[in-house]
């Protein structure tokens, strides 16, 4: 089972909002996921991310998508609290 860190689109028409999730590569974009790691709002250019969990998943072999890898390189990442 290959695990990827990728975006899942949420929000309404013309107001995109993305969740950064860990999912099996075979699951659909808005479908089943393993864990939610953060959010990205392109309209406000705001990125919230649980960086500790991202490092955990990357250490265990999860591969970020191209877009997520670009987002992870941004210096203005806001640390999100673990929502449970």
Protein backbone atom coordinates (compact mmCIF):
# COMPACT_ATOMS: atom_id res chain seq x y z
CA UNK A 1 0.00 0.00 0.00
CA UNK A 2 1.57 3.28 -1.12
CA UNK A 3 0.70 6.25 1.05
CA UNK A 4 0.71 9.81 -0.27
CA UNK A 5 0.40 13.24 1.30
CA UNK A 6 -1.89 15.21 -0.98
CA UNK A 7 -4.64 17.81 -1.26
CA UNK A 8 -8.36 17.10 -0.97
CA UNK A 9 -10.61 19.85 -2.29
CA UNK A 10 -13.38 21.24 -0.13
CA UNK A 11 -15.40 24.44 -0.27
CA UNK A 12 -18.05 25.52 -2.70
CA UNK A 13 -18.00 26.47 -6.34
CA UNK A 14 -15.39 29.17 -7.05
CA UNK A 15 -14.27 29.24 -3.40
CA UNK A 16 -11.69 26.47 -3.15
CA UNK A 17 -10.36 25.27 0.17
CA UNK A 18 -7.99 22.34 0.50
CA UNK A 19 -7.25 19.86 3.25
CA UNK A 20 -3.78 18.34 3.37
CA UNK A 21 -4.33 14.65 4.00
CA UNK A 22 -2.53 11.32 4.15
CA UNK A 23 -4.26 8.77 1.93
CA UNK A 24 -3.75 5.53 0.09
CA UNK A 25 -2.85 6.35 -3.50
CA UNK A 26 -5.84 4.36 -4.80
CA UNK A 27 -8.48 6.40 -2.94
CA UNK A 28 -10.21 9.25 -4.82
CA UNK A 29 -9.30 12.91 -4.32
CA UNK A 30 -12.22 13.72 -2.03
CA UNK A 31 -12.66 10.23 -0.67
CA UNK A 32 -11.29 8.12 2.12
CA UNK A 33 -8.17 9.27 3.94
CA UNK A 34 -6.02 8.12 6.86
CA UNK A 35 -5.27 11.40 8.65
CA UNK A 36 -5.81 15.13 8.13
CA UNK A 37 -2.57 17.10 8.55
CA UNK A 38 -3.66 20.65 7.85
CA UNK A 39 -5.41 23.08 5.53
CA UNK A 40 -4.56 25.42 2.68
CA UNK A 41 -6.69 28.40 1.68
CA UNK A 42 -5.48 29.77 -1.67
CA UNK A 43 -7.80 32.77 -1.52
CA UNK A 44 -6.11 34.08 1.63
CA UNK A 45 -2.81 32.31 0.83
CA UNK A 46 -2.90 30.74 4.30
CA UNK A 47 -1.31 27.39 5.13
CA UNK A 48 -1.88 25.62 8.46
CA UNK A 49 0.03 22.42 9.04
CA UNK A 50 0.84 19.97 11.83
CA UNK A 51 4.54 19.76 11.01
CA UNK A 52 5.28 17.04 13.57
CA UNK A 53 2.77 14.69 11.94
CA UNK A 54 4.10 15.53 8.46
CA UNK A 55 7.59 14.55 9.57
CA UNK A 56 6.19 11.35 11.12
CA UNK A 57 4.48 10.31 7.90
CA UNK A 58 7.46 11.20 5.72
CA UNK A 59 9.72 9.15 8.00
CA UNK A 60 7.36 6.21 7.54
CA UNK A 61 7.50 6.41 3.74
CA UNK A 62 4.63 8.71 2.74
CA UNK A 63 5.38 10.58 -0.49
CA UNK A 64 4.08 14.15 -0.87
CA UNK A 65 2.46 15.14 -4.14
CA UNK A 66 4.16 17.80 -6.27
CA UNK A 67 1.86 20.57 -5.02
CA UNK A 68 2.20 19.55 -1.38
CA UNK A 69 5.98 19.39 -1.66
CA UNK A 70 5.94 22.99 -2.93
CA UNK A 71 3.73 24.01 0.00
CA UNK A 72 6.04 22.28 2.49
CA UNK A 73 8.95 24.41 1.28
CA UNK A 74 7.16 27.67 2.14
CA UNK A 75 8.65 29.59 5.06
CA UNK A 76 5.30 31.02 6.28
CA UNK A 77 3.78 27.77 7.56
CA UNK A 78 1.46 28.34 10.54
CA UNK A 79 1.60 25.52 13.06
CA UNK A 80 -1.85 24.01 13.44
CA UNK A 81 -2.98 22.39 16.65
CA UNK A 82 -3.78 18.70 16.49
CA UNK A 83 -7.56 18.53 16.13
CA UNK A 84 -8.91 15.41 17.77
